[in-house]
Amino acid sequence: PAALLAGPTRGLADLYVALTRATRS
């Protein structure tokens, strides 16, 4: 997950999206 914040992305917004895709696990 640290790579999402360090890379050429939208930072915390991308981390939020990645963390909220799971419905069970």
PDBML (XML) file of the C-alpha atoms, coordinates in Angstrom:
<?xml version="1.0" encoding="UTF-8" ?>
<PDBx:datablock datablockName="MODEL"
   xmlns:PDBx="http://pdbml.pdb.org/schema/pdbx-v50.xsd"
   xmlns:xsi="http://www.w3.org/2001/XMLSchema-instance"
   xsi:schemaLocation="http://pdbml.pdb.org/schema/pdbx-v50.xsd pdbx-v50.xsd">
   <PDBx:atom_siteCategory>
      <PDBx:atom_site id="1">
         <PDBx:B_iso_or_equiv>0.00</PDBx:B_iso_or_equiv>
         <PDBx:Cartn_x>0.000</PDBx:Cartn_x>
         <PDBx:Cartn_y>0.000</PDBx:Cartn_y>
         <PDBx:Cartn_z>0.000</PDBx:Cartn_z>
         <PDBx:auth_asym_id>A</PDBx:auth_asym_id>
         <PDBx:auth_atom_id>CA</PDBx:auth_atom_id>
         <PDBx:auth_comp_id>PRO</PDBx:auth_comp_id>
         <PDBx:auth_seq_id>1</PDBx:auth_seq_id>
         <PDBx:group_PDB>ATOM</PDBx:group_PDB>
         <PDBx:label_alt_id xsi:nil="true" />
         <PDBx:label_asym_id>A</PDBx:label_asym_id>
         <PDBx:label_atom_id>CA</PDBx:label_atom_id>
         <PDBx:label_comp_id>PRO</PDBx:label_comp_id>
         <PDBx:label_entity_id>1</PDBx:label_entity_id>
         <PDBx:label_seq_id>1</PDBx:label_seq_id>
         <PDBx:occupancy>1.00</PDBx:occupancy>
         <PDBx:pdbx_PDB_model_num>1</PDBx:pdbx_PDB_model_num>
         <PDBx:type_symbol>C</PDBx:type_symbol>
      </PDBx:atom_site>
      <PDBx:atom_site id="2">
         <PDBx:B_iso_or_equiv>0.00</PDBx:B_iso_or_equiv>
         <PDBx:Cartn_x>2.896</PDBx:Cartn_x>
         <PDBx:Cartn_y>2.438</PDBx:Cartn_y>
         <PDBx:Cartn_z>0.546</PDBx:Cartn_z>
         <PDBx:auth_asym_id>A</PDBx:auth_asym_id>
         <PDBx:auth_atom_id>CA</PDBx:auth_atom_id>
         <PDBx:auth_comp_id>ALA</PDBx:auth_comp_id>
         <PDBx:auth_seq_id>2</PDBx:auth_seq_id>
         <PDBx:group_PDB>ATOM</PDBx:group_PDB>
         <PDBx:label_alt_id xsi:nil="true" />
         <PDBx:label_asym_id>A</PDBx:label_asym_id>
         <PDBx:label_atom_id>CA</PDBx:label_atom_id>
         <PDBx:label_comp_id>ALA</PDBx:label_comp_id>
         <PDBx:label_entity_id>1</PDBx:label_entity_id>
         <PDBx:label_seq_id>2</PDBx:label_seq_id>
         <PDBx:occupancy>1.00</PDBx:occupancy>
         <PDBx:pdbx_PDB_model_num>1</PDBx:pdbx_PDB_model_num>
         <PDBx:type_symbol>C</PDBx:type_symbol>
      </PDBx:atom_site>
      <PDBx:atom_site id="3">
         <PDBx:B_iso_or_equiv>0.00</PDBx:B_iso_or_equiv>
         <PDBx:Cartn_x>3.627</PDBx:Cartn_x>
         <PDBx:Cartn_y>2.231</PDBx:Cartn_y>
         <PDBx:Cartn_z>-3.192</PDBx:Cartn_z>
         <PDBx:auth_asym_id>A</PDBx:auth_asym_id>
         <PDBx:auth_atom_id>CA</PDBx:auth_atom_id>
         <PDBx:auth_comp_id>ALA</PDBx:auth_comp_id>
         <PDBx:auth_seq_id>3</PDBx:auth_seq_id>
         <PDBx:group_PDB>ATOM</PDBx:group_PDB>
         <PDBx:label_alt_id xsi:nil="true" />
         <PDBx:label_asym_id>A</PDBx:label_asym_id>
         <PDBx:label_atom_id>CA</PDBx:label_atom_id>
         <PDBx:label_comp_id>ALA</PDBx:label_comp_id>
         <PDBx:label_entity_id>1</PDBx:label_entity_id>
         <PDBx:label_seq_id>3</PDBx:label_seq_id>
         <PDBx:occupancy>1.00</PDBx:occupancy>
         <PDBx:pdbx_PDB_model_num>1</PDBx:pdbx_PDB_model_num>
         <PDBx:type_symbol>C</PDBx:type_symbol>
      </PDBx:atom_site>
      <PDBx:atom_site id="4">
         <PDBx:B_iso_or_equiv>0.00</PDBx:B_iso_or_equiv>
         <PDBx:Cartn_x>0.218</PDBx:Cartn_x>
         <PDBx:Cartn_y>3.774</PDBx:Cartn_y>
         <PDBx:Cartn_z>-3.902</PDBx:Cartn_z>
         <PDBx:auth_asym_id>A</PDBx:auth_asym_id>
         <PDBx:auth_atom_id>CA</PDBx:auth_atom_id>
         <PDBx:auth_comp_id>LEU</PDBx:auth_comp_id>
         <PDBx:auth_seq_id>4</PDBx:auth_seq_id>
         <PDBx:group_PDB>ATOM</PDBx:group_PDB>
         <PDBx:label_alt_id xsi:nil="true" />
         <PDBx:label_asym_id>A</PDBx:label_asym_id>
         <PDBx:label_atom_id>CA</PDBx:label_atom_id>
         <PDBx:label_comp_id>LEU</PDBx:label_comp_id>
         <PDBx:label_entity_id>1</PDBx:label_entity_id>
         <PDBx:label_seq_id>4</PDBx:label_seq_id>
         <PDBx:occupancy>1.00</PDBx:occupancy>
         <PDBx:pdbx_PDB_model_num>1</PDBx:pdbx_PDB_model_num>
         <PDBx:type_symbol>C</PDBx:type_symbol>
      </PDBx:atom_site>
      <PDBx:atom_site id="5">
         <PDBx:B_iso_or_equiv>0.00</PDBx:B_iso_or_equiv>
         <PDBx:Cartn_x>1.198</PDBx:Cartn_x>
         <PDBx:Cartn_y>6.819</PDBx:Cartn_y>
         <PDBx:Cartn_z>-1.902</PDBx:Cartn_z>
         <PDBx:auth_asym_id>A</PDBx:auth_asym_id>
         <PDBx:auth_atom_id>CA</PDBx:auth_atom_id>
         <PDBx:auth_comp_id>LEU</PDBx:auth_comp_id>
         <PDBx:auth_seq_id>5</PDBx:auth_seq_id>
         <PDBx:group_PDB>ATOM</PDBx:group_PDB>
         <PDBx:label_alt_id xsi:nil="true" />
         <PDBx:label_asym_id>A</PDBx:label_asym_id>
         <PDBx:label_atom_id>CA</PDBx:label_atom_id>
         <PDBx:label_comp_id>LEU</PDBx:label_comp_id>
         <PDBx:label_entity_id>1</PDBx:label_entity_id>
         <PDBx:label_seq_id>5</PDBx:label_seq_id>
         <PDBx:occupancy>1.00</PDBx:occupancy>
         <PDBx:pdbx_PDB_model_num>1</PDBx:pdbx_PDB_model_num>
         <PDBx:type_symbol>C</PDBx:type_symbol>
      </PDBx:atom_site>
      <PDBx:atom_site id="6">
         <PDBx:B_iso_or_equiv>0.00</PDBx:B_iso_or_equiv>
         <PDBx:Cartn_x>4.724</PDBx:Cartn_x>
         <PDBx:Cartn_y>7.031</PDBx:Cartn_y>
         <PDBx:Cartn_z>-3.347</PDBx:Cartn_z>
         <PDBx:auth_asym_id>A</PDBx:auth_asym_id>
         <PDBx:auth_atom_id>CA</PDBx:auth_atom_id>
         <PDBx:auth_comp_id>ALA</PDBx:auth_comp_id>
         <PDBx:auth_seq_id>6</PDBx:auth_seq_id>
         <PDBx:group_PDB>ATOM</PDBx:group_PDB>
         <PDBx:label_alt_id xsi:nil="true" />
         <PDBx:label_asym_id>A</PDBx:label_asym_id>
         <PDBx:label_atom_id>CA</PDBx:label_atom_id>
         <PDBx:label_comp_id>ALA</PDBx:label_comp_id>
         <PDBx:label_entity_id>1</PDBx:label_entity_id>
         <PDBx:label_seq_id>6</PDBx:label_seq_id>
         <PDBx:occupancy>1.00</PDBx:occupancy>
         <PDBx:pdbx_PDB_model_num>1</PDBx:pdbx_PDB_model_num>
         <PDBx:type_symbol>C</PDBx:type_symbol>
      </PDBx:atom_site>
      <PDBx:atom_site id="7">
         <PDBx:B_iso_or_equiv>0.00</PDBx:B_iso_or_equiv>
         <PDBx:Cartn_x>3.862</PDBx:Cartn_x>
         <PDBx:Cartn_y>6.453</PDBx:Cartn_y>
         <PDBx:Cartn_z>-7.001</PDBx:Cartn_z>
         <PDBx:auth_asym_id>A</PDBx:auth_asym_id>
         <PDBx:auth_atom_id>CA</PDBx:auth_atom_id>
         <PDBx:auth_comp_id>GLY</PDBx:auth_comp_id>
         <PDBx:auth_seq_id>7</PDBx:auth_seq_id>
         <PDBx:group_PDB>ATOM</PDBx:group_PDB>
         <PDBx:label_alt_id xsi:nil="true" />
         <PDBx:label_asym_id>A</PDBx:label_asym_id>
         <PDBx:label_atom_id>CA</PDBx:label_atom_id>
         <PDBx:label_comp_id>GLY</PDBx:label_comp_id>
         <PDBx:label_entity_id>1</PDBx:label_entity_id>
         <PDBx:label_seq_id>7</PDBx:label_seq_id>
         <PDBx:occupancy>1.00</PDBx:occupancy>
         <PDBx:pdbx_PDB_model_num>1</PDBx:pdbx_PDB_model_num>
         <PDBx:type_symbol>C</PDBx:type_symbol>
      </PDBx:atom_site>
      <PDBx:atom_site id="8">
         <PDBx:B_iso_or_equiv>0.00</PDBx:B_iso_or_equiv>
         <PDBx:Cartn_x>2.385</PDBx:Cartn_x>
         <PDBx:Cartn_y>8.724</PDBx:Cartn_y>
         <PDBx:Cartn_z>-9.642</PDBx:Cartn_z>
         <PDBx:auth_asym_id>A</PDBx:auth_asym_id>
         <PDBx:auth_atom_id>CA</PDBx:auth_atom_id>
         <PDBx:auth_comp_id>PRO</PDBx:auth_comp_id>
         <PDBx:auth_seq_id>8</PDBx:auth_seq_id>
         <PDBx:group_PDB>ATOM</PDBx:group_PDB>
         <PDBx:label_alt_id xsi:nil="true" />
         <PDBx:label_asym_id>A</PDBx:label_asym_id>
         <PDBx:label_atom_id>CA</PDBx:label_atom_id>
         <PDBx:label_comp_id>PRO</PDBx:label_comp_id>
         <PDBx:label_entity_id>1</PDBx:label_entity_id>
         <PDBx:label_seq_id>8</PDBx:label_seq_id>
         <PDBx:occupancy>1.00</PDBx:occupancy>
         <PDBx:pdbx_PDB_model_num>1</PDBx:pdbx_PDB_model_num>
         <PDBx:type_symbol>C</PDBx:type_symbol>
      </PDBx:atom_site>
      <PDBx:atom_site id="9">
         <PDBx:B_iso_or_equiv>0.00</PDBx:B_iso_or_equiv>
         <PDBx:Cartn_x>-1.182</PDBx:Cartn_x>
         <PDBx:Cartn_y>8.176</PDBx:Cartn_y>
         <PDBx:Cartn_z>-8.477</PDBx:Cartn_z>
         <PDBx:auth_asym_id>A</PDBx:auth_asym_id>
         <PDBx:auth_atom_id>CA</PDBx:auth_atom_id>
         <PDBx:auth_comp_id>THR</PDBx:auth_comp_id>
         <PDBx:auth_seq_id>9</PDBx:auth_seq_id>
         <PDBx:group_PDB>ATOM</PDBx:group_PDB>
         <PDBx:label_alt_id xsi:nil="true" />
         <PDBx:label_asym_id>A</PDBx:label_asym_id>
         <PDBx:label_atom_id>CA</PDBx:label_atom_id>
         <PDBx:label_comp_id>THR</PDBx:label_comp_id>
         <PDBx:label_entity_id>1</PDBx:label_entity_id>
         <PDBx:label_seq_id>9</PDBx:label_seq_id>
         <PDBx:occupancy>1.00</PDBx:occupancy>
         <PDBx:pdbx_PDB_model_num>1</PDBx:pdbx_PDB_model_num>
         <PDBx:type_symbol>C</PDBx:type_symbol>
      </PDBx:atom_site>
      <PDBx:atom_site id="10">
         <PDBx:B_iso_or_equiv>0.00</PDBx:B_iso_or_equiv>
         <PDBx:Cartn_x>-3.878</PDBx:Cartn_x>
         <PDBx:Cartn_y>10.078</PDBx:Cartn_y>
         <PDBx:Cartn_z>-6.646</PDBx:Cartn_z>
         <PDBx:auth_asym_id>A</PDBx:auth_asym_id>
         <PDBx:auth_atom_id>CA</PDBx:auth_atom_id>
         <PDBx:auth_comp_id>ARG</PDBx:auth_comp_id>
         <PDBx:auth_seq_id>10</PDBx:auth_seq_id>
         <PDBx:group_PDB>ATOM</PDBx:group_PDB>
         <PDBx:label_alt_id xsi:nil="true" />
         <PDBx:label_asym_id>A</PDBx:label_asym_id>
         <PDBx:label_atom_id>CA</PDBx:label_atom_id>
         <PDBx:label_comp_id>ARG</PDBx:label_comp_id>
         <PDBx:label_entity_id>1</PDBx:label_entity_id>
         <PDBx:label_seq_id>10</PDBx:label_seq_id>
         <PDBx:occupancy>1.00</PDBx:occupancy>
         <PDBx:pdbx_PDB_model_num>1</PDBx:pdbx_PDB_model_num>
         <PDBx:type_symbol>C</PDBx:type_symbol>
      </PDBx:atom_site>
      <PDBx:atom_site id="11">
         <PDBx:B_iso_or_equiv>0.00</PDBx:B_iso_or_equiv>
         <PDBx:Cartn_x>-2.319</PDBx:Cartn_x>
         <PDBx:Cartn_y>9.136</PDBx:Cartn_y>
         <PDBx:Cartn_z>-3.312</PDBx:Cartn_z>
         <PDBx:auth_asym_id>A</PDBx:auth_asym_id>
         <PDBx:auth_atom_id>CA</PDBx:auth_atom_id>
         <PDBx:auth_comp_id>GLY</PDBx:auth_comp_id>
         <PDBx:auth_seq_id>11</PDBx:auth_seq_id>
         <PDBx:group_PDB>ATOM</PDBx:group_PDB>
         <PDBx:label_alt_id xsi:nil="true" />
         <PDBx:label_asym_id>A</PDBx:label_asym_id>
         <PDBx:label_atom_id>CA</PDBx:label_atom_id>
         <PDBx:label_comp_id>GLY</PDBx:label_comp_id>
         <PDBx:label_entity_id>1</PDBx:label_entity_id>
         <PDBx:label_seq_id>11</PDBx:label_seq_id>
         <PDBx:occupancy>1.00</PDBx:occupancy>
         <PDBx:pdbx_PDB_model_num>1</PDBx:pdbx_PDB_model_num>
         <PDBx:type_symbol>C</PDBx:type_symbol>
      </PDBx:atom_site>
      <PDBx:atom_site id="12">
         <PDBx:B_iso_or_equiv>0.00</PDBx:B_iso_or_equiv>
         <PDBx:Cartn_x>-4.752</PDBx:Cartn_x>
         <PDBx:Cartn_y>8.755</PDBx:Cartn_y>
         <PDBx:Cartn_z>-0.430</PDBx:Cartn_z>
         <PDBx:auth_asym_id>A</PDBx:auth_asym_id>
         <PDBx:auth_atom_id>CA</PDBx:auth_atom_id>
         <PDBx:auth_comp_id>LEU</PDBx:auth_comp_id>
         <PDBx:auth_seq_id>12</PDBx:auth_seq_id>
         <PDBx:group_PDB>ATOM</PDBx:group_PDB>
         <PDBx:label_alt_id xsi:nil="true" />
         <PDBx:label_asym_id>A</PDBx:label_asym_id>
         <PDBx:label_atom_id>CA</PDBx:label_atom_id>
         <PDBx:label_comp_id>LEU</PDBx:label_comp_id>
         <PDBx:label_entity_id>1</PDBx:label_entity_id>
         <PDBx:label_seq_id>12</PDBx:label_seq_id>
         <PDBx:occupancy>1.00</PDBx:occupancy>
         <PDBx:pdbx_PDB_model_num>1</PDBx:pdbx_PDB_model_num>
         <PDBx:type_symbol>C</PDBx:type_symbol>
      </PDBx:atom_site>
      <PDBx:atom_site id="13">
         <PDBx:B_iso_or_equiv>0.00</PDBx:B_iso_or_equiv>
         <PDBx:Cartn_x>-7.731</PDBx:Cartn_x>
         <PDBx:Cartn_y>8.666</PDBx:Cartn_y>
         <PDBx:Cartn_z>-2.795</PDBx:Cartn_z>
         <PDBx:auth_asym_id>A</PDBx:auth_asym_id>
         <PDBx:auth_atom_id>CA</PDBx:auth_atom_id>
         <PDBx:auth_comp_id>ALA</PDBx:auth_comp_id>
         <PDBx:auth_seq_id>13</PDBx:auth_seq_id>
         <PDBx:group_PDB>ATOM</PDBx:group_PDB>
         <PDBx:label_alt_id xsi:nil="true" />
         <PDBx:label_asym_id>A</PDBx:label_asym_id>
         <PDBx:label_atom_id>CA</PDBx:label_atom_id>
         <PDBx:label_comp_id>ALA</PDBx:label_comp_id>
         <PDBx:label_entity_id>1</PDBx:label_entity_id>
         <PDBx:label_seq_id>13</PDBx:label_seq_id>
         <PDBx:occupancy>1.00</PDBx:occupancy>
         <PDBx:pdbx_PDB_model_num>1</PDBx:pdbx_PDB_model_num>
         <PDBx:type_symbol>C</PDBx:type_symbol>
      </PDBx:atom_site>
      <PDBx:atom_site id="14">
         <PDBx:B_iso_or_equiv>0.00</PDBx:B_iso_or_equiv>
         <PDBx:Cartn_x>-6.298</PDBx:Cartn_x>
         <PDBx:Cartn_y>5.597</PDBx:Cartn_y>
         <PDBx:Cartn_z>-4.555</PDBx:Cartn_z>
         <PDBx:auth_asym_id>A</PDBx:auth_asym_id>
         <PDBx:auth_atom_id>CA</PDBx:auth_atom_id>
         <PDBx:auth_comp_id>ASP</PDBx:auth_comp_id>
         <PDBx:auth_seq_id>14</PDBx:auth_seq_id>
         <PDBx:group_PDB>ATOM</PDBx:group_PDB>
         <PDBx:label_alt_id xsi:nil="true" />
         <PDBx:label_asym_id>A</PDBx:label_asym_id>
         <PDBx:label_atom_id>CA</PDBx:label_atom_id>
         <PDBx:label_comp_id>ASP</PDBx:label_comp_id>
         <PDBx:label_entity_id>1</PDBx:label_entity_id>
         <PDBx:label_seq_id>14</PDBx:label_seq_id>
         <PDBx:occupancy>1.00</PDBx:occupancy>
         <PDBx:pdbx_PDB_model_num>1</PDBx:pdbx_PDB_model_num>
         <PDBx:type_symbol>C</PDBx:type_symbol>
      </PDBx:atom_site>
      <PDBx:atom_site id="15">
         <PDBx:B_iso_or_equiv>0.00</PDBx:B_iso_or_equiv>
         <PDBx:Cartn_x>-5.455</PDBx:Cartn_x>
         <PDBx:Cartn_y>3.960</PDBx:Cartn_y>
         <PDBx:Cartn_z>-1.234</PDBx:Cartn_z>
         <PDBx:auth_asym_id>A</PDBx:auth_asym_id>
         <PDBx:auth_atom_id>CA</PDBx:auth_atom_id>
         <PDBx:auth_comp_id>LEU</PDBx:auth_comp_id>
         <PDBx:auth_seq_id>15</PDBx:auth_seq_id>
         <PDBx:group_PDB>ATOM</PDBx:group_PDB>
         <PDBx:label_alt_id xsi:nil="true" />
         <PDBx:label_asym_id>A</PDBx:label_asym_id>
         <PDBx:label_atom_id>CA</PDBx:label_atom_id>
         <PDBx:label_comp_id>LEU</PDBx:label_comp_id>
         <PDBx:label_entity_id>1</PDBx:label_entity_id>
         <PDBx:label_seq_id>15</PDBx:label_seq_id>
         <PDBx:occupancy>1.00</PDBx:occupancy>
         <PDBx:pdbx_PDB_model_num>1</PDBx:pdbx_PDB_model_num>
         <PDBx:type_symbol>C</PDBx:type_symbol>
      </PDBx:atom_site>
      <PDBx:atom_site id="16">
         <PDBx:B_iso_or_equiv>0.00</PDBx:B_iso_or_equiv>
         <PDBx:Cartn_x>-9.053</PDBx:Cartn_x>
         <PDBx:Cartn_y>4.510</PDBx:Cartn_y>
         <PDBx:Cartn_z>-0.118</PDBx:Cartn_z>
         <PDBx:auth_asym_id>A</PDBx:auth_asym_id>
         <PDBx:auth_atom_id>CA</PDBx:auth_atom_id>
         <PDBx:auth_comp_id>TYR</PDBx:auth_comp_id>
         <PDBx:auth_seq_id>16</PDBx:auth_seq_id>
         <PDBx:group_PDB>ATOM</PDBx:group_PDB>
         <PDBx:label_alt_id xsi:nil="true" />
         <PDBx:label_asym_id>A</PDBx:label_asym_id>
         <PDBx:label_atom_id>CA</PDBx:label_atom_id>
         <PDBx:label_comp_id>TYR</PDBx:label_comp_id>
         <PDBx:label_entity_id>1</PDBx:label_entity_id>
         <PDBx:label_seq_id>16</PDBx:label_seq_id>
         <PDBx:occupancy>1.00</PDBx:occupancy>
         <PDBx:pdbx_PDB_model_num>1</PDBx:pdbx_PDB_model_num>
         <PDBx:type_symbol>C</PDBx:type_symbol>
      </PDBx:atom_site>
      <PDBx:atom_site id="17">
         <PDBx:B_iso_or_equiv>0.00</PDBx:B_iso_or_equiv>
         <PDBx:Cartn_x>-10.382</PDBx:Cartn_x>
         <PDBx:Cartn_y>2.913</PDBx:Cartn_y>
         <PDBx:Cartn_z>-3.309</PDBx:Cartn_z>
         <PDBx:auth_asym_id>A</PDBx:auth_asym_id>
         <PDBx:auth_atom_id>CA</PDBx:auth_atom_id>
         <PDBx:auth_comp_id>VAL</PDBx:auth_comp_id>
         <PDBx:auth_seq_id>17</PDBx:auth_seq_id>
         <PDBx:group_PDB>ATOM</PDBx:group_PDB>
         <PDBx:label_alt_id xsi:nil="true" />
         <PDBx:label_asym_id>A</PDBx:label_asym_id>
         <PDBx:label_atom_id>CA</PDBx:label_atom_id>
         <PDBx:label_comp_id>VAL</PDBx:label_comp_id>
         <PDBx:label_entity_id>1</PDBx:label_entity_id>
         <PDBx:label_seq_id>17</PDBx:label_seq_id>
         <PDBx:occupancy>1.00</PDBx:occupancy>
         <PDBx:pdbx_PDB_model_num>1</PDBx:pdbx_PDB_model_num>
         <PDBx:type_symbol>C</PDBx:type_symbol>
      </PDBx:atom_site>
      <PDBx:atom_site id="18">
         <PDBx:B_iso_or_equiv>0.00</PDBx:B_iso_or_equiv>
         <PDBx:Cartn_x>-8.059</PDBx:Cartn_x>
         <PDBx:Cartn_y>-0.076</PDBx:Cartn_y>
         <PDBx:Cartn_z>-2.903</PDBx:Cartn_z>
         <PDBx:auth_asym_id>A</PDBx:auth_asym_id>
         <PDBx:auth_atom_id>CA</PDBx:auth_atom_id>
         <PDBx:auth_comp_id>ALA</PDBx:auth_comp_id>
         <PDBx:auth_seq_id>18</PDBx:auth_seq_id>
         <PDBx:group_PDB>ATOM</PDBx:group_PDB>
         <PDBx:label_alt_id xsi:nil="true" />
         <PDBx:label_asym_id>A</PDBx:label_asym_id>
         <PDBx:label_atom_id>CA</PDBx:label_atom_id>
         <PDBx:label_comp_id>ALA</PDBx:label_comp_id>
         <PDBx:label_entity_id>1</PDBx:label_entity_id>
         <PDBx:label_seq_id>18</PDBx:label_seq_id>
         <PDBx:occupancy>1.00</PDBx:occupancy>
         <PDBx:pdbx_PDB_model_num>1</PDBx:pdbx_PDB_model_num>
         <PDBx:type_symbol>C</PDBx:type_symbol>
      </PDBx:atom_site>
      <PDBx:atom_site id="19">
         <PDBx:B_iso_or_equiv>0.00</PDBx:B_iso_or_equiv>
         <PDBx:Cartn_x>-9.078</PDBx:Cartn_x>
         <PDBx:Cartn_y>-0.592</PDBx:Cartn_y>
         <PDBx:Cartn_z>0.725</PDBx:Cartn_z>
         <PDBx:auth_asym_id>A</PDBx:auth_asym_id>
         <PDBx:auth_atom_id>CA</PDBx:auth_atom_id>
         <PDBx:auth_comp_id>LEU</PDBx:auth_comp_id>
         <PDBx:auth_seq_id>19</PDBx:auth_seq_id>
         <PDBx:group_PDB>ATOM</PDBx:group_PDB>
         <PDBx:label_alt_id xsi:nil="true" />
         <PDBx:label_asym_id>A</PDBx:label_asym_id>
         <PDBx:label_atom_id>CA</PDBx:label_atom_id>
         <PDBx:label_comp_id>LEU</PDBx:label_comp_id>
         <PDBx:label_entity_id>1</PDBx:label_entity_id>
         <PDBx:label_seq_id>19</PDBx:label_seq_id>
         <PDBx:occupancy>1.00</PDBx:occupancy>
         <PDBx:pdbx_PDB_model_num>1</PDBx:pdbx_PDB_model_num>
         <PDBx:type_symbol>C</PDBx:type_symbol>
      </PDBx:atom_site>
      <PDBx:atom_site id="20">
         <PDBx:B_iso_or_equiv>0.00</PDBx:B_iso_or_equiv>
         <PDBx:Cartn_x>-12.811</PDBx:Cartn_x>
         <PDBx:Cartn_y>-0.398</PDBx:Cartn_y>
         <PDBx:Cartn_z>0.063</PDBx:Cartn_z>
         <PDBx:auth_asym_id>A</PDBx:auth_asym_id>
         <PDBx:auth_atom_id>CA</PDBx:auth_atom_id>
         <PDBx:auth_comp_id>THR</PDBx:auth_comp_id>
         <PDBx:auth_seq_id>20</PDBx:auth_seq_id>
         <PDBx:group_PDB>ATOM</PDBx:group_PDB>
         <PDBx:label_alt_id xsi:nil="true" />
         <PDBx:label_asym_id>A</PDBx:label_asym_id>
         <PDBx:label_atom_id>CA</PDBx:label_atom_id>
         <PDBx:label_comp_id>THR</PDBx:label_comp_id>
         <PDBx:label_entity_id>1</PDBx:label_entity_id>
         <PDBx:label_seq_id>20</PDBx:label_seq_id>
         <PDBx:occupancy>1.00</PDBx:occupancy>
         <PDBx:pdbx_PDB_model_num>1</PDBx:pdbx_PDB_model_num>
         <PDBx:type_symbol>C</PDBx:type_symbol>
      </PDBx:atom_site>
      <PDBx:atom_site id="21">
         <PDBx:B_iso_or_equiv>0.00</PDBx:B_iso_or_equiv>
         <PDBx:Cartn_x>-13.206</PDBx:Cartn_x>
         <PDBx:Cartn_y>-2.917</PDBx:Cartn_y>
         <PDBx:Cartn_z>-2.795</PDBx:Cartn_z>
         <PDBx:auth_asym_id>A</PDBx:auth_asym_id>
         <PDBx:auth_atom_id>CA</PDBx:auth_atom_id>
         <PDBx:auth_comp_id>ARG</PDBx:auth_comp_id>
         <PDBx:auth_seq_id>21</PDBx:auth_seq_id>
         <PDBx:group_PDB>ATOM</PDBx:group_PDB>
         <PDBx:label_alt_id xsi:nil="true" />
         <PDBx:label_asym_id>A</PDBx:label_asym_id>
         <PDBx:label_atom_id>CA</PDBx:label_atom_id>
         <PDBx:label_comp_id>ARG</PDBx:label_comp_id>
         <PDBx:label_entity_id>1</PDBx:label_entity_id>
         <PDBx:label_seq_id>21</PDBx:label_seq_id>
         <PDBx:occupancy>1.00</PDBx:occupancy>
         <PDBx:pdbx_PDB_model_num>1</PDBx:pdbx_PDB_model_num>
         <PDBx:type_symbol>C</PDBx:type_symbol>
      </PDBx:atom_site>
      <PDBx:atom_site id="22">
         <PDBx:B_iso_or_equiv>0.00</PDBx:B_iso_or_equiv>
         <PDBx:Cartn_x>-13.599</PDBx:Cartn_x>
         <PDBx:Cartn_y>-5.949</PDBx:Cartn_y>
         <PDBx:Cartn_z>-0.504</PDBx:Cartn_z>
         <PDBx:auth_asym_id>A</PDBx:auth_asym_id>
         <PDBx:auth_atom_id>CA</PDBx:auth_atom_id>
         <PDBx:auth_comp_id>ALA</PDBx:auth_comp_id>
         <PDBx:auth_seq_id>22</PDBx:auth_seq_id>
         <PDBx:group_PDB>ATOM</PDBx:group_PDB>
         <PDBx:label_alt_id xsi:nil="true" />
         <PDBx:label_asym_id>A</PDBx:label_asym_id>
         <PDBx:label_atom_id>CA</PDBx:label_atom_id>
         <PDBx:label_comp_id>ALA</PDBx:label_comp_id>
         <PDBx:label_entity_id>1</PDBx:label_entity_id>
         <PDBx:label_seq_id>22</PDBx:label_seq_id>
         <PDBx:occupancy>1.00</PDBx:occupancy>
         <PDBx:pdbx_PDB_model_num>1</PDBx:pdbx_PDB_model_num>
         <PDBx:type_symbol>C</PDBx:type_symbol>
      </PDBx:atom_site>
      <PDBx:atom_site id="23">
         <PDBx:B_iso_or_equiv>0.00</PDBx:B_iso_or_equiv>
         <PDBx:Cartn_x>-17.019</PDBx:Cartn_x>
         <PDBx:Cartn_y>-7.042</PDBx:Cartn_y>
         <PDBx:Cartn_z>0.697</PDBx:Cartn_z>
         <PDBx:auth_asym_id>A</PDBx:auth_asym_id>
         <PDBx:auth_atom_id>CA</PDBx:auth_atom_id>
         <PDBx:auth_comp_id>THR</PDBx:auth_comp_id>
         <PDBx:auth_seq_id>23</PDBx:auth_seq_id>
         <PDBx:group_PDB>ATOM</PDBx:group_PDB>
         <PDBx:label_alt_id xsi:nil="true" />
         <PDBx:label_asym_id>A</PDBx:label_asym_id>
         <PDBx:label_atom_id>CA</PDBx:label_atom_id>
         <PDBx:label_comp_id>THR</PDBx:label_comp_id>
         <PDBx:label_entity_id>1</PDBx:label_entity_id>
         <PDBx:label_seq_id>23</PDBx:label_seq_id>
         <PDBx:occupancy>1.00</PDBx:occupancy>
         <PDBx:pdbx_PDB_model_num>1</PDBx:pdbx_PDB_model_num>
         <PDBx:type_symbol>C</PDBx:type_symbol>
      </PDBx:atom_site>
      <PDBx:atom_site id="24">
         <PDBx:B_iso_or_equiv>0.00</PDBx:B_iso_or_equiv>
         <PDBx:Cartn_x>-15.853</PDBx:Cartn_x>
         <PDBx:Cartn_y>-9.935</PDBx:Cartn_y>
         <PDBx:Cartn_z>2.905</PDBx:Cartn_z>
         <PDBx:auth_asym_id>A</PDBx:auth_asym_id>
         <PDBx:auth_atom_id>CA</PDBx:auth_atom_id>
         <PDBx:auth_comp_id>ARG</PDBx:auth_comp_id>
         <PDBx:auth_seq_id>24</PDBx:auth_seq_id>
         <PDBx:group_PDB>ATOM</PDBx:group_PDB>
         <PDBx:label_alt_id xsi:nil="true" />
         <PDBx:label_asym_id>A</PDBx:label_asym_id>
         <PDBx:label_atom_id>CA</PDBx:label_atom_id>
         <PDBx:label_comp_id>ARG</PDBx:label_comp_id>
         <PDBx:label_entity_id>1</PDBx:label_entity_id>
         <PDBx:label_seq_id>24</PDBx:label_seq_id>
         <PDBx:occupancy>1.00</PDBx:occupancy>
         <PDBx:pdbx_PDB_model_num>1</PDBx:pdbx_PDB_model_num>
         <PDBx:type_symbol>C</PDBx:type_symbol>
      </PDBx:atom_site>
      <PDBx:atom_site id="25">
         <PDBx:B_iso_or_equiv>0.00</PDBx:B_iso_or_equiv>
         <PDBx:Cartn_x>-12.079</PDBx:Cartn_x>
         <PDBx:Cartn_y>-10.159</PDBx:Cartn_y>
         <PDBx:Cartn_z>3.232</PDBx:Cartn_z>
         <PDBx:auth_asym_id>A</PDBx:auth_asym_id>
         <PDBx:auth_atom_id>CA</PDBx:auth_atom_id>
         <PDBx:auth_comp_id>SER</PDBx:auth_comp_id>
         <PDBx:auth_seq_id>25</PDBx:auth_seq_id>
         <PDBx:group_PDB>ATOM</PDBx:group_PDB>
         <PDBx:label_alt_id xsi:nil="true" />
         <PDBx:label_asym_id>A</PDBx:label_asym_id>
         <PDBx:label_atom_id>CA</PDBx:label_atom_id>
         <PDBx:label_comp_id>SER</PDBx:label_comp_id>
         <PDBx:label_entity_id>1</PDBx:label_entity_id>
         <PDBx:label_seq_id>25</PDBx:label_seq_id>
         <PDBx:occupancy>1.00</PDBx:occupancy>
         <PDBx:pdbx_PDB_model_num>1</PDBx:pdbx_PDB_model_num>
         <PDBx:type_symbol>C</PDBx:type_symbol>
      </PDBx:atom_site>
   </PDBx:atom_siteCategory>
</PDBx:datablock>
